[in-house]
C-alpha atoms as a PDB file:
ATOM      1  CA  UNK A   1       7.100  52.263 -18.182  1.00  0.00           C
ATOM      2  CA  UNK A   2       9.677  51.756 -21.245  1.00  0.00           C
ATOM      3  CA  UNK A   3      12.270  50.549 -19.987  1.00  0.00           C
ATOM      4  CA  UNK A   4      13.487  47.347 -20.206  1.00  0.00           C
ATOM      5  CA  UNK A   5      16.617  45.418 -18.794  1.00  0.00           C
ATOM      6  CA  UNK A   6      20.336  46.544 -20.071  1.00  0.00           C
ATOM      7  CA  UNK A   7      23.425  44.705 -20.448  1.00  0.00           C
ATOM      8  CA  UNK A   8      23.736  41.384 -18.229  1.00  0.00           C
ATOM      9  CA  UNK A   9      26.530  38.894 -18.519  1.00  0.00           C
ATOM     10  CA  UNK A  10      26.945  37.087 -21.667  1.00  0.00           C
ATOM     11  CA  UNK A  11      29.290  34.109 -22.556  1.00  0.00           C
ATOM     12  CA  UNK A  12      32.310  36.652 -23.215  1.00  0.00           C
ATOM     13  CA  UNK A  13      32.198  36.947 -19.240  1.00  0.00           C
ATOM     14  CA  UNK A  14      31.792  33.761 -17.348  1.00  0.00           C
ATOM     15  CA  UNK A  15      33.428  31.223 -18.895  1.00  0.00           C
ATOM     16  CA  UNK A  16      34.758  28.016 -17.255  1.00  0.00           C
ATOM     17  CA  UNK A  17      37.963  27.778 -15.063  1.00  0.00           C
ATOM     18  CA  UNK A  18      36.999  30.720 -13.880  1.00  0.00           C
ATOM     19  CA  UNK A  19      37.557  31.484  -9.858  1.00  0.00           C
ATOM     20  CA  UNK A  20      34.435  32.454  -7.396  1.00  0.00           C
ATOM     21  CA  UNK A  21      34.506  34.368  -4.727  1.00  0.00           C
ATOM     22  CA  UNK A  22      32.048  34.910  -2.451  1.00  0.00           C
ATOM     23  CA  UNK A  23      31.264  38.857  -1.240  1.00  0.00           C
ATOM     24  CA  UNK A  24      33.373  37.981   2.048  1.00  0.00           C
ATOM     25  CA  UNK A  25      35.979  36.617   0.196  1.00  0.00           C
ATOM     26  CA  UNK A  26      35.475  32.713   0.477  1.00  0.00           C
ATOM     27  CA  UNK A  27      36.889  30.626  -2.578  1.00  0.00           C
ATOM     28  CA  UNK A  28      33.852  28.387  -3.819  1.00  0.00           C
ATOM     29  CA  UNK A  29      35.725  27.362  -6.836  1.00  0.00           C
ATOM     30  CA  UNK A  30      36.128  27.276 -10.418  1.00  0.00           C
ATOM     31  CA  UNK A  31      33.359  27.298 -12.775  1.00  0.00           C
ATOM     32  CA  UNK A  32      32.564  23.977 -14.165  1.00  0.00           C
ATOM     33  CA  UNK A  33      29.228  25.119 -16.091  1.00  0.00           C
ATOM     34  CA  UNK A  34      27.492  28.492 -17.480  1.00  0.00           C
ATOM     35  CA  UNK A  35      23.956  27.774 -18.271  1.00  0.00           C
ATOM     36  CA  UNK A  36      21.941  30.866 -19.680  1.00  0.00           C
ATOM     37  CA  UNK A  37      18.650  31.590 -21.394  1.00  0.00           C
ATOM     38  CA  UNK A  38      20.388  33.382 -23.385  1.00  0.00           C
ATOM     39  CA  UNK A  39      18.082  36.544 -24.700  1.00  0.00           C
ATOM     40  CA  UNK A  40      19.017  39.502 -26.797  1.00  0.00           C
ATOM     41  CA  UNK A  41      20.664  41.678 -24.669  1.00  0.00           C
ATOM     42  CA  UNK A  42      17.918  44.903 -24.243  1.00  0.00           C
ATOM     43  CA  UNK A  43      17.958  47.955 -26.150  1.00  0.00           C
ATOM     44  CA  UNK A  44      18.012  51.561 -23.312  1.00  0.00           C
ATOM     45  CA  UNK A  45      15.355  53.368 -22.611  1.00  0.00           C
ATOM     46  CA  UNK A  46      12.865  54.439 -25.429  1.00  0.00           C
ATOM     47  CA  UNK A  47      14.164  57.779 -26.199  1.00  0.00           C
ATOM     48  CA  UNK A  48      11.389  60.234 -25.816  1.00  0.00           C
ATOM     49  CA  UNK A  49      12.128  59.233 -22.141  1.00  0.00           C
ATOM     50  CA  UNK A  50      15.104  59.818 -21.574  1.00  0.00           C
ATOM     51  CA  UNK A  51      15.376  63.037 -19.559  1.00  0.00           C
ATOM     52  CA  UNK A  52      17.929  65.852 -21.101  1.00  0.00           C
ATOM     53  CA  UNK A  53      19.438  68.222 -18.765  1.00  0.00           C
ATOM     54  CA  UNK A  54      19.751  71.800 -19.742  1.00  0.00           C
ATOM     55  CA  UNK A  55      23.290  71.957 -18.401  1.00  0.00           C
ATOM     56  CA  UNK A  56      26.077  71.247 -21.434  1.00  0.00           C
ATOM     57  CA  UNK A  57      29.982  70.537 -19.022  1.00  0.00           C
ATOM     58  CA  UNK A  58      31.319  71.421 -22.876  1.00  0.00           C
ATOM     59  CA  UNK A  59      31.029  75.626 -21.448  1.00  0.00           C
ATOM     60  CA  UNK A  60      32.308  74.323 -17.795  1.00  0.00           C
ATOM     61  CA  UNK A  61      35.751  74.308 -20.209  1.00  0.00           C
ATOM     62  CA  UNK A  62      38.901  74.388 -20.204  1.00  0.00           C
ATOM     63  CA  UNK A  63      37.987  75.733 -23.465  1.00  0.00           C
ATOM     64  CA  UNK A  64      34.496  74.478 -25.509  1.00  0.00           C
ATOM     65  CA  UNK A  65      35.071  72.814 -28.996  1.00  0.00           C
ATOM     66  CA  UNK A  66      32.116  72.073 -30.849  1.00  0.00           C
ATOM     67  CA  UNK A  67      31.828  75.243 -32.243  1.00  0.00           C
ATOM     68  CA  UNK A  68      34.703  73.890 -33.632  1.00  0.00           C
ATOM     69  CA  UNK A  69      32.919  70.268 -34.886  1.00  0.00           C
ATOM     70  CA  UNK A  70      33.871  68.323 -31.792  1.00  0.00           C
ATOM     71  CA  UNK A  71      30.735  66.100 -32.415  1.00  0.00           C
ATOM     72  CA  UNK A  72      31.137  64.025 -28.779  1.00  0.00           C
ATOM     73  CA  UNK A  73      28.541  66.708 -26.833  1.00  0.00           C
ATOM     74  CA  UNK A  74      25.809  66.286 -29.216  1.00  0.00           C
ATOM     75  CA  UNK A  75      26.800  62.222 -29.723  1.00  0.00           C
ATOM     76  CA  UNK A  76      27.540  61.154 -25.752  1.00  0.00           C
ATOM     77  CA  UNK A  77      24.652  63.137 -24.372  1.00  0.00           C
ATOM     78  CA  UNK A  78      21.271  61.919 -22.438  1.00  0.00           C
ATOM     79  CA  UNK A  79      19.196  61.919 -25.984  1.00  0.00           C
ATOM     80  CA  UNK A  80      21.398  59.752 -27.820  1.00  0.00           C
ATOM     81  CA  UNK A  81      21.737  56.945 -24.485  1.00  0.00           C
ATOM     82  CA  UNK A  82      24.988  58.602 -24.142  1.00  0.00           C
ATOM     83  CA  UNK A  83      27.201  56.923 -27.034  1.00  0.00           C
ATOM     84  CA  UNK A  84      26.350  53.235 -25.319  1.00  0.00           C
ATOM     85  CA  UNK A  85      24.471  51.460 -28.437  1.00  0.00           C
ATOM     86  CA  UNK A  86      24.892  47.401 -27.352  1.00  0.00           C
ATOM     87  CA  UNK A  87      27.391  44.851 -29.713  1.00  0.00           C
ATOM     88  CA  UNK A  88      24.174  42.354 -29.528  1.00  0.00           C
ATOM     89  CA  UNK A  89      25.904  39.759 -28.037  1.00  0.00           C
ATOM     90  CA  UNK A  90      23.108  37.794 -26.539  1.00  0.00           C
ATOM     91  CA  UNK A  91      22.994  37.986 -21.862  1.00  0.00           C
ATOM     92  CA  UNK A  92      23.314  34.667 -20.452  1.00  0.00           C
ATOM     93  CA  UNK A  93      19.683  35.491 -18.723  1.00  0.00           C
ATOM     94  CA  UNK A  94      18.801  33.705 -15.524  1.00  0.00           C
ATOM     95  CA  UNK A  95      20.413  30.427 -15.779  1.00  0.00           C
ATOM     96  CA  UNK A  96      23.789  29.198 -13.568  1.00  0.00           C
ATOM     97  CA  UNK A  97      27.137  28.497 -12.897  1.00  0.00           C
ATOM     98  CA  UNK A  98      28.096  25.077 -11.684  1.00  0.00           C
ATOM     99  CA  UNK A  99      31.072  25.184  -9.845  1.00  0.00           C
ATOM    100  CA  UNK A 100      33.432  23.297  -7.901  1.00  0.00           C
ATOM    101  CA  UNK A 101      36.750  22.380  -6.377  1.00  0.00           C
ATOM    102  CA  UNK A 102      39.416  20.108  -7.644  1.00  0.00           C
ATOM    103  CA  UNK A 103      38.228  19.946 -11.694  1.00  0.00           C
ATOM    104  CA  UNK A 104      34.007  19.882  -9.666  1.00  0.00           C
ATOM    105  CA  UNK A 105      34.977  16.434  -8.154  1.00  0.00           C
ATOM    106  CA  UNK A 106      34.313  18.183  -4.940  1.00  0.00           C
ATOM    107  CA  UNK A 107      31.780  20.676  -2.873  1.00  0.00           C
ATOM    108  CA  UNK A 108      29.873  20.752  -6.738  1.00  0.00           C
ATOM    109  CA  UNK A 109      27.135  23.653  -6.223  1.00  0.00           C
ATOM    110  CA  UNK A 110      24.862  25.055  -8.830  1.00  0.00           C
ATOM    111  CA  UNK A 111      24.535  29.567  -8.810  1.00  0.00           C
ATOM    112  CA  UNK A 112      22.273  32.062 -10.129  1.00  0.00           C
ATOM    113  CA  UNK A 113      23.481  33.877 -12.925  1.00  0.00           C
ATOM    114  CA  UNK A 114      22.360  36.528 -11.002  1.00  0.00           C
ATOM    115  CA  UNK A 115      23.647  36.148  -7.978  1.00  0.00           C
ATOM    116  CA  UNK A 116      26.773  37.702  -9.349  1.00  0.00           C
ATOM    117  CA  UNK A 117      27.849  41.206  -8.649  1.00  0.00           C
ATOM    118  CA  UNK A 118      30.924  41.268 -10.699  1.00  0.00           C
ATOM    119  CA  UNK A 119      32.923  39.931 -12.663  1.00  0.00           C
ATOM    120  CA  UNK A 120      36.782  41.140 -13.962  1.00  0.00           C
ATOM    121  CA  UNK A 121      39.561  39.760 -15.014  1.00  0.00           C
ATOM    122  CA  UNK A 122      39.079  35.548 -13.827  1.00  0.00           C
ATOM    123  CA  UNK A 123      38.049  36.404 -11.224  1.00  0.00           C
ATOM    124  CA  UNK A 124      33.479  36.211 -10.636  1.00  0.00           C
ATOM    125  CA  UNK A 125      32.400  37.617  -7.276  1.00  0.00           C
ATOM    126  CA  UNK A 126      29.087  37.078  -5.452  1.00  0.00           C
ATOM    127  CA  UNK A 127      26.527  39.284  -4.319  1.00  0.00           C
ATOM    128  CA  UNK A 128      26.117  37.298  -0.710  1.00  0.00           C
ATOM    129  CA  UNK A 129      28.078  36.136   2.167  1.00  0.00           C
ATOM    130  CA  UNK A 130      29.687  32.565   2.099  1.00  0.00           C
ATOM    131  CA  UNK A 131      27.361  32.629   5.347  1.00  0.00           C
ATOM    132  CA  UNK A 132      24.141  34.174   3.265  1.00  0.00           C
ATOM    133  CA  UNK A 133      24.884  31.861   0.226  1.00  0.00           C
ATOM    134  CA  UNK A 134      24.910  28.558   2.687  1.00  0.00           C
ATOM    135  CA  UNK A 135      21.482  30.110   3.983  1.00  0.00           C
ATOM    136  CA  UNK A 136      20.476  30.758   0.218  1.00  0.00           C
ATOM    137  CA  UNK A 137      21.103  26.992  -0.966  1.00  0.00           C
ATOM    138  CA  UNK A 138      19.394  25.749   2.007  1.00  0.00           C
ATOM    139  CA  UNK A 139      15.996  27.254   0.913  1.00  0.00           C
END
């Protein structure tokens, strides 16, 4: 299809000592270890597959500036991948988090990275509730 995965979490996003919470706000502990299959982050969609509309937000104002040298409308368009070139960081890929309480001594568990919904400052939030995670772990 011409599409490859974009982004994913890298070693700068998920680190040891971050707090891990479920979607329903249950604290699971801190990250003790992160393991991943480091892969290059995917490129954006191939330029030939990008859909380019005929409308430019530049034209609705308040004052169009492309005619006086503003390159933003061109560099931030679909054909230019909206100016989102990757930085070459390696994604953690299909790895796992080892999470536990009290320096990882109790309630230690492994959680697949694909269950991570968001990372914000020092908090990781999973996409599953506590009950869903427990059910997922039993499988």
